[in-house]
Amino acid sequence: MQGIEPVPTAYVLLNSDLGSDATVIKEVKDLLISETDVSFEIQGVYGVYDIVLKLMSADTENLRHVITNKVRKIPKVQSTLTMMVIEEQESF
């Protein structure tokens, strides 16, 4: 699609303490709802990871800041795997 500017996007896979995925999802929502320049989707999933978080912002540096300084510091989050979307390939 031409004329649409790609939006910086990141997918963050989270592992949480056993049985705490619902609590972590609520904490992520509470934390990110106040971020005016970040939109997100979050889902609990089965598999190696417990939660998938999709973050979008007009500013890539802001995405990094939110992931590093907010999401990764939530109690009961054991580990994360972050995948930044390659913006140049979104138009293909």
PDB file of N, CA and C in Angstrom:
ATOM      1  N   MET A   1       0.840  -1.170   0.000  1.00  0.00           N
ATOM      2  CA  MET A   1       0.000   0.000   0.000  1.00  0.00           C
ATOM      3  C   MET A   1       0.886   1.235   0.000  1.00  0.00           C
ATOM      4  N   GLN A   2       0.688   2.077  -0.957  1.00  0.00           N
ATOM      5  CA  GLN A   2       1.514   3.261  -1.072  1.00  0.00           C
ATOM      6  C   GLN A   2       0.917   4.398  -0.268  1.00  0.00           C
ATOM      7  N   GLY A   3       1.797   5.309   0.176  1.00  0.00           N
ATOM      8  CA  GLY A   3       1.351   6.495   0.859  1.00  0.00           C
ATOM      9  C   GLY A   3       1.154   6.322   2.357  1.00  0.00           C
ATOM     10  N   ILE A   4       1.253   5.104   2.863  1.00  0.00           N
ATOM     11  CA  ILE A   4       1.101   4.883   4.294  1.00  0.00           C
ATOM     12  C   ILE A   4       2.479   4.732   4.911  1.00  0.00           C
ATOM     13  N   GLU A   5       2.772   5.594   5.846  1.00  0.00           N
ATOM     14  CA  GLU A   5       4.067   5.591   6.528  1.00  0.00           C
ATOM     15  C   GLU A   5       4.089   4.449   7.546  1.00  0.00           C
ATOM     16  N   PRO A   6       5.140   3.614   7.541  1.00  0.00           N
ATOM     17  CA  PRO A   6       5.208   2.534   8.523  1.00  0.00           C
ATOM     18  C   PRO A   6       5.324   3.091   9.942  1.00  0.00           C
ATOM     19  N   VAL A   7       4.699   2.407  10.875  1.00  0.00           N
ATOM     20  CA  VAL A   7       4.737   2.800  12.284  1.00  0.00           C
ATOM     21  C   VAL A   7       5.716   1.886  13.002  1.00  0.00           C
ATOM     22  N   PRO A   8       6.679   2.448  13.724  1.00  0.00           N
ATOM     23  CA  PRO A   8       7.595   1.601  14.485  1.00  0.00           C
ATOM     24  C   PRO A   8       6.813   0.655  15.401  1.00  0.00           C
ATOM     25  N   THR A   9       7.135  -0.632  15.267  1.00  0.00           N
ATOM     26  CA  THR A   9       6.400  -1.684  15.976  1.00  0.00           C
ATOM     27  C   THR A   9       7.385  -2.666  16.587  1.00  0.00           C
ATOM     28  N   ALA A  10       7.030  -3.148  17.770  1.00  0.00           N
ATOM     29  CA  ALA A  10       7.834  -4.177  18.436  1.00  0.00           C
ATOM     30  C   ALA A  10       6.901  -5.244  18.991  1.00  0.00           C
ATOM     31  N   TYR A  11       7.350  -6.473  18.893  1.00  0.00           N
ATOM     32  CA  TYR A  11       6.669  -7.592  19.543  1.00  0.00           C
ATOM     33  C   TYR A  11       7.545  -8.032  20.702  1.00  0.00           C
ATOM     34  N   VAL A  12       6.965  -8.135  21.885  1.00  0.00           N
ATOM     35  CA  VAL A  12       7.711  -8.534  23.063  1.00  0.00           C
ATOM     36  C   VAL A  12       7.081  -9.816  23.598  1.00  0.00           C
ATOM     37  N   LEU A  13       7.889 -10.874  23.670  1.00  0.00           N
ATOM     38  CA  LEU A  13       7.451 -12.134  24.258  1.00  0.00           C
ATOM     39  C   LEU A  13       7.911 -12.144  25.703  1.00  0.00           C
ATOM     40  N   LEU A  14       6.997 -12.435  26.615  1.00  0.00           N
ATOM     41  CA  LEU A  14       7.312 -12.380  28.036  1.00  0.00           C
ATOM     42  C   LEU A  14       7.128 -13.744  28.686  1.00  0.00           C
ATOM     43  N   ASN A  15       8.036 -14.089  29.570  1.00  0.00           N
ATOM     44  CA  ASN A  15       7.885 -15.217  30.476  1.00  0.00           C
ATOM     45  C   ASN A  15       7.630 -14.648  31.854  1.00  0.00           C
ATOM     46  N   SER A  16       6.617 -15.186  32.525  1.00  0.00           N
ATOM     47  CA  SER A  16       6.287 -14.709  33.865  1.00  0.00           C
ATOM     48  C   SER A  16       6.428 -15.847  34.866  1.00  0.00           C
ATOM     49  N   ASP A  17       6.437 -15.481  36.151  1.00  0.00           N
ATOM     50  CA  ASP A  17       6.450 -16.493  37.194  1.00  0.00           C
ATOM     51  C   ASP A  17       5.246 -17.406  37.009  1.00  0.00           C
ATOM     52  N   LEU A  18       5.380 -18.648  37.409  1.00  0.00           N
ATOM     53  CA  LEU A  18       4.322 -19.639  37.254  1.00  0.00           C
ATOM     54  C   LEU A  18       3.010 -19.141  37.860  1.00  0.00           C
ATOM     55  N   GLY A  19       1.971 -19.135  37.054  1.00  0.00           N
ATOM     56  CA  GLY A  19       0.645 -18.743  37.518  1.00  0.00           C
ATOM     57  C   GLY A  19       0.405 -17.258  37.632  1.00  0.00           C
ATOM     58  N   SER A  20       1.348 -16.442  37.209  1.00  0.00           N
ATOM     59  CA  SER A  20       1.197 -14.989  37.376  1.00  0.00           C
ATOM     60  C   SER A  20       0.891 -14.263  36.069  1.00  0.00           C
ATOM     61  N   ASP A  21       0.601 -14.987  34.989  1.00  0.00           N
ATOM     62  CA  ASP A  21       0.411 -14.335  33.697  1.00  0.00           C
ATOM     63  C   ASP A  21      -0.752 -13.344  33.709  1.00  0.00           C
ATOM     64  N   ALA A  22      -1.856 -13.652  34.360  1.00  0.00           N
ATOM     65  CA  ALA A  22      -2.989 -12.714  34.408  1.00  0.00           C
ATOM     66  C   ALA A  22      -2.603 -11.437  35.157  1.00  0.00           C
ATOM     67  N   THR A  23      -1.840 -11.587  36.230  1.00  0.00           N
ATOM     68  CA  THR A  23      -1.383 -10.428  36.999  1.00  0.00           C
ATOM     69  C   THR A  23      -0.447  -9.562  36.171  1.00  0.00           C
ATOM     70  N   VAL A  24       0.481 -10.202  35.445  1.00  0.00           N
ATOM     71  CA  VAL A  24       1.428  -9.456  34.613  1.00  0.00           C
ATOM     72  C   VAL A  24       0.682  -8.729  33.490  1.00  0.00           C
ATOM     73  N   ILE A  25      -0.281  -9.383  32.869  1.00  0.00           N
ATOM     74  CA  ILE A  25      -1.058  -8.740  31.804  1.00  0.00           C
ATOM     75  C   ILE A  25      -1.759  -7.500  32.352  1.00  0.00           C
ATOM     76  N   LYS A  26      -2.367  -7.611  33.533  1.00  0.00           N
ATOM     77  CA  LYS A  26      -3.036  -6.452  34.143  1.00  0.00           C
ATOM     78  C   LYS A  26      -2.035  -5.341  34.430  1.00  0.00           C
ATOM     79  N   GLU A  27      -0.857  -5.687  34.938  1.00  0.00           N
ATOM     80  CA  GLU A  27       0.149  -4.675  35.245  1.00  0.00           C
ATOM     81  C   GLU A  27       0.642  -3.982  33.984  1.00  0.00           C
ATOM     82  N   VAL A  28       0.835  -4.738  32.906  1.00  0.00           N
ATOM     83  CA  VAL A  28       1.251  -4.133  31.633  1.00  0.00           C
ATOM     84  C   VAL A  28       0.171  -3.162  31.142  1.00  0.00           C
ATOM     85  N   LYS A  29      -1.083  -3.599  31.184  1.00  0.00           N
ATOM     86  CA  LYS A  29      -2.179  -2.720  30.751  1.00  0.00           C
ATOM     87  C   LYS A  29      -2.218  -1.447  31.592  1.00  0.00           C
ATOM     88  N   ASP A  30      -2.133  -1.600  32.912  1.00  0.00           N
ATOM     89  CA  ASP A  30      -2.168  -0.435  33.798  1.00  0.00           C
ATOM     90  C   ASP A  30      -1.004   0.514  33.522  1.00  0.00           C
ATOM     91  N   LEU A  31       0.156  -0.054  33.235  1.00  0.00           N
ATOM     92  CA  LEU A  31       1.353   0.743  32.972  1.00  0.00           C
ATOM     93  C   LEU A  31       1.261   1.489  31.642  1.00  0.00           C
ATOM     94  N   LEU A  32       0.768   0.799  30.608  1.00  0.00           N
ATOM     95  CA  LEU A  32       0.792   1.369  29.262  1.00  0.00           C
ATOM     96  C   LEU A  32      -0.415   2.228  28.934  1.00  0.00           C
ATOM     97  N   ILE A  33      -1.495   2.086  29.682  1.00  0.00           N
ATOM     98  CA  ILE A  33      -2.692   2.879  29.389  1.00  0.00           C
ATOM     99  C   ILE A  33      -2.418   4.369  29.537  1.00  0.00           C
ATOM    100  N   SER A  34      -1.451   4.724  30.380  1.00  0.00           N
ATOM    101  CA  SER A  34      -1.130   6.136  30.583  1.00  0.00           C
ATOM    102  C   SER A  34      -0.115   6.666  29.565  1.00  0.00           C
ATOM    103  N   GLU A  35       0.453   5.779  28.755  1.00  0.00           N
ATOM    104  CA  GLU A  35       1.408   6.192  27.713  1.00  0.00           C
ATOM    105  C   GLU A  35       0.620   6.724  26.519  1.00  0.00           C
ATOM    106  N   THR A  36       0.594   8.029  26.350  1.00  0.00           N
ATOM    107  CA  THR A  36      -0.231   8.627  25.301  1.00  0.00           C
ATOM    108  C   THR A  36       0.304   8.386  23.891  1.00  0.00           C
ATOM    109  N   ASP A  37       1.606   8.163  23.761  1.00  0.00           N
ATOM    110  CA  ASP A  37       2.189   7.997  22.426  1.00  0.00           C
ATOM    111  C   ASP A  37       2.531   6.549  22.103  1.00  0.00           C
ATOM    112  N   VAL A  38       1.976   5.603  22.859  1.00  0.00           N
ATOM    113  CA  VAL A  38       2.201   4.181  22.613  1.00  0.00           C
ATOM    114  C   VAL A  38       0.857   3.474  22.579  1.00  0.00           C
ATOM    115  N   SER A  39       0.633   2.699  21.519  1.00  0.00           N
ATOM    116  CA  SER A  39      -0.549   1.835  21.500  1.00  0.00           C
ATOM    117  C   SER A  39      -0.068   0.395  21.635  1.00  0.00           C
ATOM    118  N   PHE A  40      -0.942  -0.467  22.131  1.00  0.00           N
ATOM    119  CA  PHE A  40      -0.508  -1.832  22.402  1.00  0.00           C
ATOM    120  C   PHE A  40      -1.656  -2.820  22.303  1.00  0.00           C
ATOM    121  N   GLU A  41      -1.278  -4.074  22.108  1.00  0.00           N
ATOM    122  CA  GLU A  41      -2.168  -5.223  22.195  1.00  0.00           C
ATOM    123  C   GLU A  41      -1.429  -6.252  23.032  1.00  0.00           C
ATOM    124  N   ILE A  42      -2.149  -6.973  23.888  1.00  0.00           N
ATOM    125  CA  ILE A  42      -1.501  -7.959  24.744  1.00  0.00           C
ATOM    126  C   ILE A  42      -2.401  -9.185  24.855  1.00  0.00           C
ATOM    127  N   GLN A  43      -1.771 -10.359  24.801  1.00  0.00           N
ATOM    128  CA  GLN A  43      -2.498 -11.620  24.868  1.00  0.00           C
ATOM    129  C   GLN A  43      -1.695 -12.644  25.649  1.00  0.00           C
ATOM    130  N   GLY A  44      -2.372 -13.447  26.438  1.00  0.00           N
ATOM    131  CA  GLY A  44      -1.745 -14.624  27.025  1.00  0.00           C
ATOM    132  C   GLY A  44      -1.720 -15.713  25.969  1.00  0.00           C
ATOM    133  N   VAL A  45      -0.656 -16.508  25.935  1.00  0.00           N
ATOM    134  CA  VAL A  45      -0.519 -17.549  24.924  1.00  0.00           C
ATOM    135  C   VAL A  45       0.004 -18.844  25.561  1.00  0.00           C
ATOM    136  N   TYR A  46      -0.240 -19.960  24.871  1.00  0.00           N
ATOM    137  CA  TYR A  46       0.336 -21.240  25.247  1.00  0.00           C
ATOM    138  C   TYR A  46       1.653 -21.405  24.512  1.00  0.00           C
ATOM    139  N   GLY A  47       2.597 -22.080  25.113  1.00  0.00           N
ATOM    140  CA  GLY A  47       3.860 -22.353  24.445  1.00  0.00           C
ATOM    141  C   GLY A  47       5.040 -21.969  25.310  1.00  0.00           C
ATOM    142  N   VAL A  48       6.153 -21.706  24.670  1.00  0.00           N
ATOM    143  CA  VAL A  48       7.392 -21.387  25.369  1.00  0.00           C
ATOM    144  C   VAL A  48       7.255 -20.080  26.144  1.00  0.00           C
ATOM    145  N   TYR A  49       6.517 -19.123  25.602  1.00  0.00           N
ATOM    146  CA  TYR A  49       6.304 -17.841  26.272  1.00  0.00           C
ATOM    147  C   TYR A  49       4.882 -17.791  26.812  1.00  0.00           C
ATOM    148  N   ASP A  50       4.661 -16.917  27.781  1.00  0.00           N
ATOM    149  CA  ASP A  50       3.360 -16.809  28.435  1.00  0.00           C
ATOM    150  C   ASP A  50       2.498 -15.682  27.886  1.00  0.00           C
ATOM    151  N   ILE A  51       3.155 -14.628  27.395  1.00  0.00           N
ATOM    152  CA  ILE A  51       2.444 -13.414  26.993  1.00  0.00           C
ATOM    153  C   ILE A  51       3.090 -12.846  25.732  1.00  0.00           C
ATOM    154  N   VAL A  52       2.252 -12.357  24.813  1.00  0.00           N
ATOM    155  CA  VAL A  52       2.736 -11.637  23.630  1.00  0.00           C
ATOM    156  C   VAL A  52       2.212 -10.208  23.727  1.00  0.00           C
ATOM    157  N   LEU A  53       3.138  -9.257  23.598  1.00  0.00           N
ATOM    158  CA  LEU A  53       2.813  -7.838  23.668  1.00  0.00           C
ATOM    159  C   LEU A  53       3.237  -7.186  22.355  1.00  0.00           C
ATOM    160  N   LYS A  54       2.310  -6.502  21.712  1.00  0.00           N
ATOM    161  CA  LYS A  54       2.621  -5.735  20.502  1.00  0.00           C
ATOM    162  C   LYS A  54       2.568  -4.260  20.863  1.00  0.00           C
ATOM    163  N   LEU A  55       3.653  -3.557  20.611  1.00  0.00           N
ATOM    164  CA  LEU A  55       3.752  -2.130  20.911  1.00  0.00           C
ATOM    165  C   LEU A  55       3.953  -1.342  19.624  1.00  0.00           C
ATOM    166  N   MET A  56       3.280  -0.195  19.519  1.00  0.00           N
ATOM    167  CA  MET A  56       3.441   0.683  18.368  1.00  0.00           C
ATOM    168  C   MET A  56       3.574   2.119  18.849  1.00  0.00           C
ATOM    169  N   SER A  57       4.472   2.858  18.219  1.00  0.00           N
ATOM    170  CA  SER A  57       4.679   4.265  18.569  1.00  0.00           C
ATOM    171  C   SER A  57       5.274   4.971  17.359  1.00  0.00           C
ATOM    172  N   ALA A  58       5.082   6.253  17.299  1.00  0.00           N
ATOM    173  CA  ALA A  58       5.673   7.032  16.210  1.00  0.00           C
ATOM    174  C   ALA A  58       7.178   7.169  16.380  1.00  0.00           C
ATOM    175  N   ASP A  59       7.684   6.836  17.550  1.00  0.00           N
ATOM    176  CA  ASP A  59       9.087   7.036  17.880  1.00  0.00           C
ATOM    177  C   ASP A  59       9.732   5.720  18.329  1.00  0.00           C
ATOM    178  N   THR A  60      10.686   5.218  17.545  1.00  0.00           N
ATOM    179  CA  THR A  60      11.375   3.965  17.858  1.00  0.00           C
ATOM    180  C   THR A  60      12.099   4.052  19.197  1.00  0.00           C
ATOM    181  N   GLU A  61      12.706   5.175  19.477  1.00  0.00           N
ATOM    182  CA  GLU A  61      13.427   5.331  20.744  1.00  0.00           C
ATOM    183  C   GLU A  61      12.476   5.251  21.932  1.00  0.00           C
ATOM    184  N   ASN A  62      11.281   5.761  21.766  1.00  0.00           N
ATOM    185  CA  ASN A  62      10.281   5.658  22.827  1.00  0.00           C
ATOM    186  C   ASN A  62       9.889   4.200  23.068  1.00  0.00           C
ATOM    187  N   LEU A  63       9.766   3.429  21.995  1.00  0.00           N
ATOM    188  CA  LEU A  63       9.474   1.995  22.147  1.00  0.00           C
ATOM    189  C   LEU A  63      10.559   1.321  22.981  1.00  0.00           C
ATOM    190  N   ARG A  64      11.799   1.597  22.653  1.00  0.00           N
ATOM    191  CA  ARG A  64      12.918   0.996  23.404  1.00  0.00           C
ATOM    192  C   ARG A  64      12.866   1.387  24.871  1.00  0.00           C
ATOM    193  N   HIS A  65      12.567   2.655  25.121  1.00  0.00           N
ATOM    194  CA  HIS A  65      12.480   3.139  26.495  1.00  0.00           C
ATOM    195  C   HIS A  65      11.375   2.417  27.277  1.00  0.00           C
ATOM    196  N   VAL A  66      10.209   2.286  26.680  1.00  0.00           N
ATOM    197  CA  VAL A  66       9.082   1.631  27.342  1.00  0.00           C
ATOM    198  C   VAL A  66       9.412   0.174  27.641  1.00  0.00           C
ATOM    199  N   ILE A  67      10.007  -0.511  26.674  1.00  0.00           N
ATOM    200  CA  ILE A  67      10.348  -1.927  26.871  1.00  0.00           C
ATOM    201  C   ILE A  67      11.401  -2.088  27.958  1.00  0.00           C
ATOM    202  N   THR A  68      12.472  -1.323  27.863  1.00  0.00           N
ATOM    203  CA  THR A  68      13.597  -1.473  28.784  1.00  0.00           C
ATOM    204  C   THR A  68      13.294  -0.972  30.185  1.00  0.00           C
ATOM    205  N   ASN A  69      12.686   0.182  30.293  1.00  0.00           N
ATOM    206  CA  ASN A  69      12.527   0.827  31.588  1.00  0.00           C
ATOM    207  C   ASN A  69      11.175   0.608  32.254  1.00  0.00           C
ATOM    208  N   LYS A  70      10.235   0.028  31.531  1.00  0.00           N
ATOM    209  CA  LYS A  70       8.916  -0.185  32.128  1.00  0.00           C
ATOM    210  C   LYS A  70       8.516  -1.660  32.092  1.00  0.00           C
ATOM    211  N   VAL A  71       8.363  -2.217  30.897  1.00  0.00           N
ATOM    212  CA  VAL A  71       7.867  -3.592  30.778  1.00  0.00           C
ATOM    213  C   VAL A  71       8.820  -4.586  31.435  1.00  0.00           C
ATOM    214  N   ARG A  72      10.090  -4.481  31.156  1.00  0.00           N
ATOM    215  CA  ARG A  72      11.052  -5.456  31.681  1.00  0.00           C
ATOM    216  C   ARG A  72      11.230  -5.357  33.194  1.00  0.00           C
ATOM    217  N   LYS A  73      10.803  -4.253  33.787  1.00  0.00           N
ATOM    218  CA  LYS A  73      10.970  -4.068  35.234  1.00  0.00           C
ATOM    219  C   LYS A  73       9.723  -4.444  36.036  1.00  0.00           C
ATOM    220  N   ILE A  74       8.711  -4.952  35.358  1.00  0.00           N
ATOM    221  CA  ILE A  74       7.510  -5.382  36.066  1.00  0.00           C
ATOM    222  C   ILE A  74       7.848  -6.609  36.917  1.00  0.00           C
ATOM    223  N   PRO A  75       7.462  -6.570  38.200  1.00  0.00           N
ATOM    224  CA  PRO A  75       7.706  -7.754  39.035  1.00  0.00           C
ATOM    225  C   PRO A  75       7.021  -8.979  38.428  1.00  0.00           C
ATOM    226  N   LYS A  76       7.590 -10.105  38.608  1.00  0.00           N
ATOM    227  CA  LYS A  76       7.090 -11.399  38.122  1.00  0.00           C
ATOM    228  C   LYS A  76       7.352 -11.635  36.629  1.00  0.00           C
ATOM    229  N   VAL A  77       8.002 -10.693  35.948  1.00  0.00           N
ATOM    230  CA  VAL A  77       8.452 -10.947  34.577  1.00  0.00           C
ATOM    231  C   VAL A  77       9.847 -11.552  34.684  1.00  0.00           C
ATOM    232  N   GLN A  78       9.974 -12.804  34.274  1.00  0.00           N
ATOM    233  CA  GLN A  78      11.263 -13.499  34.371  1.00  0.00           C
ATOM    234  C   GLN A  78      12.198 -13.119  33.239  1.00  0.00           C
ATOM    235  N   SER A  79      11.654 -13.070  32.023  1.00  0.00           N
ATOM    236  CA  SER A  79      12.495 -12.773  30.862  1.00  0.00           C
ATOM    237  C   SER A  79      11.630 -12.237  29.730  1.00  0.00           C
ATOM    238  N   THR A  80      12.294 -11.592  28.775  1.00  0.00           N
ATOM    239  CA  THR A  80      11.605 -11.073  27.596  1.00  0.00           C
ATOM    240  C   THR A  80      12.441 -11.366  26.350  1.00  0.00           C
ATOM    241  N   LEU A  81      11.767 -11.406  25.230  1.00  0.00           N
ATOM    242  CA  LEU A  81      12.413 -11.473  23.924  1.00  0.00           C
ATOM    243  C   LEU A  81      11.738 -10.407  23.073  1.00  0.00           C
ATOM    244  N   THR A  82      12.500  -9.424  22.623  1.00  0.00           N
ATOM    245  CA  THR A  82      11.943  -8.312  21.856  1.00  0.00           C
ATOM    246  C   THR A  82      12.327  -8.433  20.400  1.00  0.00           C
ATOM    247  N   MET A  83      11.339  -8.265  19.539  1.00  0.00           N
ATOM    248  CA  MET A  83      11.555  -8.286  18.093  1.00  0.00           C
ATOM    249  C   MET A  83      11.041  -6.973  17.522  1.00  0.00           C
ATOM    250  N   MET A  84      11.960  -6.165  17.014  1.00  0.00           N
ATOM    251  CA  MET A  84      11.583  -4.898  16.375  1.00  0.00           C
ATOM    252  C   MET A  84      11.288  -5.171  14.899  1.00  0.00           C
ATOM    253  N   VAL A  85      10.176  -4.668  14.416  1.00  0.00           N
ATOM    254  CA  VAL A  85       9.802  -4.843  13.018  1.00  0.00           C
ATOM    255  C   VAL A  85      10.725  -4.020  12.135  1.00  0.00           C
ATOM    256  N   ILE A  86      11.159  -4.590  11.023  1.00  0.00           N
ATOM    257  CA  ILE A  86      12.007  -3.882  10.056  1.00  0.00           C
ATOM    258  C   ILE A  86      11.093  -2.971   9.238  1.00  0.00           C
ATOM    259  N   GLU A  87      11.161  -1.688   9.542  1.00  0.00           N
ATOM    260  CA  GLU A  87      10.236  -0.728   8.934  1.00  0.00           C
ATOM    261  C   GLU A  87      10.349  -0.653   7.403  1.00  0.00           C
ATOM    262  N   GLU A  88      11.566  -0.809   6.907  1.00  0.00           N
ATOM    263  CA  GLU A  88      11.771  -0.700   5.470  1.00  0.00           C
ATOM    264  C   GLU A  88      11.066  -1.818   4.698  1.00  0.00           C
ATOM    265  N   GLN A  89      10.775  -2.929   5.348  1.00  0.00           N
ATOM    266  CA  GLN A  89      10.151  -4.054   4.674  1.00  0.00           C
ATOM    267  C   GLN A  89       8.630  -4.049   4.773  1.00  0.00           C
ATOM    268  N   GLU A  90       8.062  -3.152   5.572  1.00  0.00           N
ATOM    269  CA  GLU A  90       6.613  -3.117   5.744  1.00  0.00           C
ATOM    270  C   GLU A  90       5.865  -2.757   4.462  1.00  0.00           C
ATOM    271  N   SER A  91       6.538  -2.067   3.553  1.00  0.00           N
ATOM    272  CA  SER A  91       5.853  -1.622   2.340  1.00  0.00           C
ATOM    273  C   SER A  91       5.840  -2.688   1.248  1.00  0.00           C
ATOM    274  N   PHE A  92       6.526  -3.818   1.446  1.00  0.00           N
ATOM    275  CA  PHE A  92       6.552  -4.869   0.414  1.00  0.00           C
ATOM    276  C   PHE A  92       5.233  -5.607   0.356  1.00  0.00           C
TER     277      PHE A  92
END
